[in-house]
N, C-alpha and C. Protein backbone atom coordinates (compact mmCIF):
# COMPACT_ATOMS: atom_id res chain seq x y z
N MET A 1 0.84 -1.15 0.00
CA MET A 1 0.00 0.00 0.00
C MET A 1 0.90 1.23 0.00
N PHE A 2 0.51 2.27 -0.74
CA PHE A 2 1.31 3.49 -0.80
C PHE A 2 1.14 4.25 0.51
N ASP A 3 2.25 4.61 1.14
CA ASP A 3 2.23 5.27 2.44
C ASP A 3 2.64 6.73 2.29
N LEU A 4 1.70 7.62 2.55
CA LEU A 4 1.96 9.06 2.45
C LEU A 4 2.71 9.60 3.66
N ASN A 5 2.84 8.79 4.72
CA ASN A 5 3.48 9.26 5.95
C ASN A 5 4.96 8.92 6.05
N THR A 6 5.52 8.26 5.05
CA THR A 6 6.94 7.96 5.08
C THR A 6 7.69 9.02 4.28
N ARG A 7 8.96 9.17 4.57
CA ARG A 7 9.81 10.09 3.82
C ARG A 7 10.97 9.31 3.26
N PRO A 8 11.09 9.13 1.97
CA PRO A 8 10.13 9.58 0.97
C PRO A 8 8.87 8.71 0.99
N GLN A 9 7.80 9.25 0.44
CA GLN A 9 6.55 8.48 0.34
C GLN A 9 6.80 7.28 -0.58
N LYS A 10 6.29 6.12 -0.18
CA LYS A 10 6.55 4.90 -0.96
C LYS A 10 5.56 3.81 -0.57
N ARG A 11 5.63 2.71 -1.31
CA ARG A 11 4.81 1.54 -1.01
C ARG A 11 5.40 0.82 0.20
N LYS A 12 4.52 0.41 1.11
CA LYS A 12 4.92 -0.30 2.32
C LYS A 12 4.01 -1.51 2.51
N MET A 13 4.50 -2.49 3.26
CA MET A 13 3.67 -3.62 3.65
C MET A 13 3.17 -3.38 5.07
N TYR A 14 1.98 -3.91 5.34
CA TYR A 14 1.34 -3.77 6.64
C TYR A 14 0.91 -5.13 7.15
N VAL A 15 0.86 -5.24 8.47
CA VAL A 15 0.35 -6.43 9.14
C VAL A 15 -1.02 -6.06 9.70
N CYS A 16 -2.02 -6.88 9.40
CA CYS A 16 -3.37 -6.64 9.90
C CYS A 16 -3.51 -7.25 11.29
N LEU A 17 -3.83 -6.40 12.26
CA LEU A 17 -4.15 -6.88 13.61
C LEU A 17 -5.63 -7.19 13.72
N SER A 18 -6.46 -6.26 13.24
CA SER A 18 -7.91 -6.43 13.27
C SER A 18 -8.51 -5.60 12.14
N TYR A 19 -9.02 -6.28 11.13
CA TYR A 19 -9.65 -5.58 10.01
C TYR A 19 -10.86 -4.79 10.50
N GLU A 20 -11.65 -5.40 11.38
CA GLU A 20 -12.86 -4.76 11.89
C GLU A 20 -12.57 -3.46 12.62
N MET A 21 -11.46 -3.42 13.35
CA MET A 21 -11.09 -2.22 14.10
C MET A 21 -10.22 -1.28 13.27
N GLY A 22 -9.77 -1.74 12.11
CA GLY A 22 -8.89 -0.93 11.27
C GLY A 22 -7.47 -0.85 11.81
N TRP A 23 -7.06 -1.84 12.61
CA TRP A 23 -5.75 -1.83 13.27
C TRP A 23 -4.71 -2.57 12.43
N PHE A 24 -3.62 -1.87 12.16
CA PHE A 24 -2.53 -2.42 11.36
C PHE A 24 -1.20 -2.01 11.97
N MET A 25 -0.14 -2.71 11.56
CA MET A 25 1.23 -2.36 11.92
C MET A 25 2.04 -2.29 10.63
N ARG A 26 2.96 -1.36 10.57
CA ARG A 26 3.80 -1.16 9.38
C ARG A 26 5.04 -2.05 9.46
N ILE A 27 5.45 -2.59 8.31
CA ILE A 27 6.71 -3.32 8.21
C ILE A 27 7.75 -2.35 7.66
N ASN A 28 8.88 -2.25 8.38
CA ASN A 28 9.96 -1.34 8.00
C ASN A 28 11.26 -2.11 7.78
N THR A 29 12.13 -1.52 7.00
CA THR A 29 13.46 -2.08 6.80
C THR A 29 14.31 -1.89 8.05
N LYS A 30 14.22 -0.71 8.65
CA LYS A 30 15.02 -0.38 9.83
C LYS A 30 14.17 -0.51 11.10
N ASP A 31 14.85 -0.53 12.24
CA ASP A 31 14.15 -0.73 13.51
C ASP A 31 13.70 0.60 14.12
N THR A 32 13.10 1.43 13.32
CA THR A 32 12.52 2.70 13.79
C THR A 32 11.16 2.86 13.16
N PRO A 33 10.21 3.54 13.76
CA PRO A 33 10.26 3.96 15.16
C PRO A 33 10.11 2.76 16.09
N ARG A 34 10.48 2.95 17.31
CA ARG A 34 10.47 1.85 18.27
C ARG A 34 9.22 1.91 19.13
N PRO A 35 8.77 0.82 19.68
CA PRO A 35 9.40 -0.48 19.60
C PRO A 35 9.10 -1.17 18.27
N CYS A 36 10.07 -1.91 17.82
CA CYS A 36 9.94 -2.74 16.62
C CYS A 36 10.38 -4.15 16.95
N VAL A 37 9.81 -5.10 16.25
CA VAL A 37 10.19 -6.49 16.42
C VAL A 37 10.84 -6.96 15.12
N PRO A 38 12.09 -7.44 15.19
CA PRO A 38 12.73 -7.95 13.98
C PRO A 38 12.06 -9.24 13.52
N ILE A 39 11.86 -9.34 12.21
CA ILE A 39 11.30 -10.56 11.63
C ILE A 39 12.22 -11.01 10.49
N ALA A 40 12.45 -12.30 10.42
CA ALA A 40 13.39 -12.85 9.45
C ALA A 40 12.70 -13.23 8.15
N ARG A 41 13.39 -12.97 7.06
CA ARG A 41 12.89 -13.38 5.75
C ARG A 41 12.74 -14.91 5.70
N ASP A 42 13.65 -15.62 6.35
CA ASP A 42 13.59 -17.09 6.35
C ASP A 42 12.27 -17.61 6.90
N ASP A 43 11.66 -16.88 7.83
CA ASP A 43 10.37 -17.27 8.42
C ASP A 43 9.18 -16.72 7.64
N ASN A 44 9.43 -15.73 6.79
CA ASN A 44 8.36 -14.99 6.12
C ASN A 44 8.72 -14.80 4.66
N ALA A 45 8.36 -15.76 3.83
CA ALA A 45 8.81 -15.80 2.43
C ALA A 45 8.36 -14.59 1.61
N PHE A 46 7.34 -13.88 2.05
CA PHE A 46 6.86 -12.72 1.30
C PHE A 46 7.80 -11.52 1.42
N LEU A 47 8.72 -11.54 2.40
CA LEU A 47 9.66 -10.44 2.59
C LEU A 47 10.79 -10.53 1.57
N HIS A 48 11.32 -9.37 1.20
CA HIS A 48 12.48 -9.32 0.31
C HIS A 48 13.77 -9.43 1.10
N HIS A 49 13.72 -9.08 2.39
CA HIS A 49 14.89 -9.11 3.28
C HIS A 49 14.40 -9.10 4.72
N ASP A 50 15.30 -9.36 5.66
CA ASP A 50 14.93 -9.26 7.07
C ASP A 50 14.36 -7.86 7.32
N SER A 51 13.34 -7.78 8.16
CA SER A 51 12.63 -6.51 8.36
C SER A 51 12.26 -6.34 9.82
N HIS A 52 11.46 -5.32 10.09
CA HIS A 52 10.99 -5.01 11.45
C HIS A 52 9.52 -4.65 11.40
N ILE A 53 8.77 -5.12 12.39
CA ILE A 53 7.37 -4.73 12.52
C ILE A 53 7.29 -3.62 13.56
N GLU A 54 6.75 -2.49 13.13
CA GLU A 54 6.53 -1.35 14.02
C GLU A 54 5.34 -1.70 14.91
N CYS A 55 5.52 -1.69 16.22
CA CYS A 55 4.52 -2.24 17.13
C CYS A 55 3.43 -1.27 17.56
N GLY A 56 3.47 -0.04 17.12
CA GLY A 56 2.37 0.87 17.38
C GLY A 56 1.16 0.47 16.54
N ILE A 57 0.00 0.90 16.95
CA ILE A 57 -1.23 0.60 16.21
C ILE A 57 -1.50 1.73 15.23
N LEU A 58 -1.60 1.38 13.97
CA LEU A 58 -2.00 2.34 12.94
C LEU A 58 -3.46 2.07 12.61
N VAL A 59 -4.27 3.10 12.59
CA VAL A 59 -5.68 2.95 12.22
C VAL A 59 -5.80 3.38 10.76
N LEU A 60 -6.17 2.42 9.91
CA LEU A 60 -6.28 2.69 8.48
C LEU A 60 -7.72 2.54 8.02
N ASP A 61 -8.08 3.32 7.04
CA ASP A 61 -9.42 3.33 6.48
C ASP A 61 -9.67 2.05 5.69
N GLU A 62 -10.84 1.44 5.88
CA GLU A 62 -11.14 0.17 5.20
C GLU A 62 -11.17 0.32 3.68
N PHE A 63 -11.56 1.49 3.17
CA PHE A 63 -11.55 1.69 1.72
C PHE A 63 -10.13 1.57 1.19
N GLU A 64 -9.19 2.20 1.88
CA GLU A 64 -7.78 2.16 1.49
C GLU A 64 -7.25 0.72 1.51
N ILE A 65 -7.60 -0.02 2.55
CA ILE A 65 -7.17 -1.41 2.68
C ILE A 65 -7.81 -2.27 1.60
N ASP A 66 -9.13 -2.14 1.42
CA ASP A 66 -9.83 -2.93 0.40
C ASP A 66 -9.25 -2.68 -0.98
N GLU A 67 -8.93 -1.43 -1.28
CA GLU A 67 -8.36 -1.08 -2.58
C GLU A 67 -6.98 -1.72 -2.75
N ALA A 68 -6.16 -1.68 -1.71
CA ALA A 68 -4.83 -2.29 -1.78
C ALA A 68 -4.93 -3.81 -1.96
N ILE A 69 -5.86 -4.44 -1.27
CA ILE A 69 -6.04 -5.89 -1.41
C ILE A 69 -6.57 -6.22 -2.80
N ARG A 70 -7.50 -5.42 -3.30
CA ARG A 70 -8.02 -5.66 -4.65
C ARG A 70 -6.91 -5.56 -5.69
N ARG A 71 -6.05 -4.56 -5.52
CA ARG A 71 -4.98 -4.31 -6.49
C ARG A 71 -3.84 -5.33 -6.37
N ASP A 72 -3.38 -5.59 -5.14
CA ASP A 72 -2.17 -6.38 -4.94
C ASP A 72 -2.40 -7.74 -4.30
N GLY A 73 -3.58 -7.96 -3.74
CA GLY A 73 -3.82 -9.19 -3.00
C GLY A 73 -3.13 -9.16 -1.64
N ILE A 74 -3.30 -10.22 -0.89
CA ILE A 74 -2.61 -10.37 0.39
C ILE A 74 -1.31 -11.10 0.08
N VAL A 75 -0.18 -10.48 0.44
CA VAL A 75 1.11 -11.01 0.00
C VAL A 75 1.67 -12.09 0.91
N GLY A 76 1.18 -12.20 2.13
CA GLY A 76 1.69 -13.23 3.02
C GLY A 76 1.18 -13.06 4.43
N THR A 77 1.61 -13.96 5.28
CA THR A 77 1.22 -13.96 6.69
C THR A 77 2.48 -14.04 7.53
N VAL A 78 2.58 -13.18 8.53
CA VAL A 78 3.73 -13.21 9.43
C VAL A 78 3.67 -14.50 10.24
N HIS A 79 4.81 -15.17 10.37
CA HIS A 79 4.89 -16.44 11.10
C HIS A 79 4.34 -16.27 12.52
N ARG A 80 3.58 -17.25 12.97
CA ARG A 80 2.92 -17.21 14.28
C ARG A 80 3.90 -17.05 15.46
N ARG A 81 5.12 -17.48 15.26
CA ARG A 81 6.07 -17.42 16.38
C ARG A 81 6.37 -15.99 16.83
N TYR A 82 6.03 -15.00 15.98
CA TYR A 82 6.28 -13.60 16.32
C TYR A 82 5.16 -12.99 17.17
N ARG A 83 4.02 -13.65 17.24
CA ARG A 83 2.88 -13.09 18.00
C ARG A 83 3.23 -12.74 19.44
N PRO A 84 3.80 -13.66 20.23
CA PRO A 84 4.09 -13.30 21.63
C PRO A 84 5.16 -12.21 21.75
N ILE A 85 6.07 -12.14 20.80
CA ILE A 85 7.12 -11.12 20.84
C ILE A 85 6.51 -9.75 20.56
N ILE A 86 5.63 -9.69 19.56
CA ILE A 86 4.94 -8.43 19.23
C ILE A 86 4.07 -8.00 20.40
N LEU A 87 3.30 -8.93 20.95
CA LEU A 87 2.41 -8.62 22.07
C LEU A 87 3.20 -8.09 23.26
N SER A 88 4.32 -8.71 23.58
CA SER A 88 5.15 -8.25 24.69
C SER A 88 5.64 -6.82 24.46
N ALA A 89 6.08 -6.52 23.24
CA ALA A 89 6.53 -5.16 22.92
C ALA A 89 5.39 -4.17 23.08
N GLN A 90 4.20 -4.55 22.65
CA GLN A 90 3.05 -3.65 22.76
C GLN A 90 2.63 -3.45 24.21
N MET A 91 2.68 -4.49 25.02
CA MET A 91 2.28 -4.39 26.42
C MET A 91 3.22 -3.47 27.21
N ASN A 92 4.45 -3.33 26.75
CA ASN A 92 5.44 -2.52 27.46
C ASN A 92 5.52 -1.08 26.98
N THR A 93 4.64 -0.67 26.07
CA THR A 93 4.66 0.71 25.60
C THR A 93 3.77 1.58 26.47
N LEU A 94 4.10 2.86 26.50
CA LEU A 94 3.29 3.81 27.25
C LEU A 94 2.21 4.44 26.37
N PHE A 95 2.36 4.36 25.06
CA PHE A 95 1.45 5.06 24.16
C PHE A 95 0.25 4.24 23.70
N ILE A 96 0.15 2.99 24.14
CA ILE A 96 -1.04 2.18 23.84
C ILE A 96 -1.88 2.13 25.11
N SER A 97 -3.15 2.47 24.99
CA SER A 97 -4.03 2.53 26.17
C SER A 97 -4.26 1.14 26.77
N LYS A 98 -4.67 1.13 28.02
CA LYS A 98 -4.98 -0.13 28.71
C LYS A 98 -6.08 -0.89 27.95
N ARG A 99 -7.10 -0.17 27.52
CA ARG A 99 -8.20 -0.80 26.78
C ARG A 99 -7.71 -1.44 25.48
N ASP A 100 -6.85 -0.72 24.76
CA ASP A 100 -6.31 -1.27 23.52
C ASP A 100 -5.38 -2.45 23.79
N LYS A 101 -4.64 -2.40 24.88
CA LYS A 101 -3.78 -3.53 25.25
C LYS A 101 -4.61 -4.77 25.55
N GLU A 102 -5.75 -4.58 26.20
CA GLU A 102 -6.64 -5.72 26.47
C GLU A 102 -7.14 -6.32 25.16
N ALA A 103 -7.49 -5.47 24.20
CA ALA A 103 -7.94 -5.96 22.89
C ALA A 103 -6.80 -6.67 22.16
N LEU A 104 -5.60 -6.11 22.21
CA LEU A 104 -4.44 -6.75 21.57
C LEU A 104 -4.17 -8.12 22.19
N ASN A 105 -4.33 -8.22 23.49
CA ASN A 105 -4.13 -9.50 24.16
C ASN A 105 -5.10 -10.55 23.64
N GLN A 106 -6.34 -10.15 23.37
CA GLN A 106 -7.33 -11.07 22.80
C GLN A 106 -6.97 -11.44 21.36
N ILE A 107 -6.47 -10.48 20.60
CA ILE A 107 -6.15 -10.70 19.19
C ILE A 107 -4.92 -11.58 19.02
N LEU A 108 -3.87 -11.31 19.79
CA LEU A 108 -2.58 -11.96 19.56
C LEU A 108 -2.29 -13.15 20.47
N ALA A 109 -3.05 -13.31 21.55
CA ALA A 109 -2.76 -14.41 22.49
C ALA A 109 -3.18 -15.75 21.93
């Protein structure tokens, strides 16, 4: 999906946490912004190289997501072994609310 919030603006991959809630996480080449969880290409064949999942919650519009899926399809699924690592990083942040952390625990546990 084309990301207008990156510099330079470019196509990025996202991880869907909850389509219904519009919750996604961005996949980055570098480990910024933090917290990020490193993910290996060997575990995730859709990646071009080892990458990082940005653990903040991005709220994306369903029209934008539906259009990206229609155009490009779903390119892959992050290996399940990363779920507890991502969840732990999210639980230790100050910028995710208690209510959202409870929802993330239900989604990723």
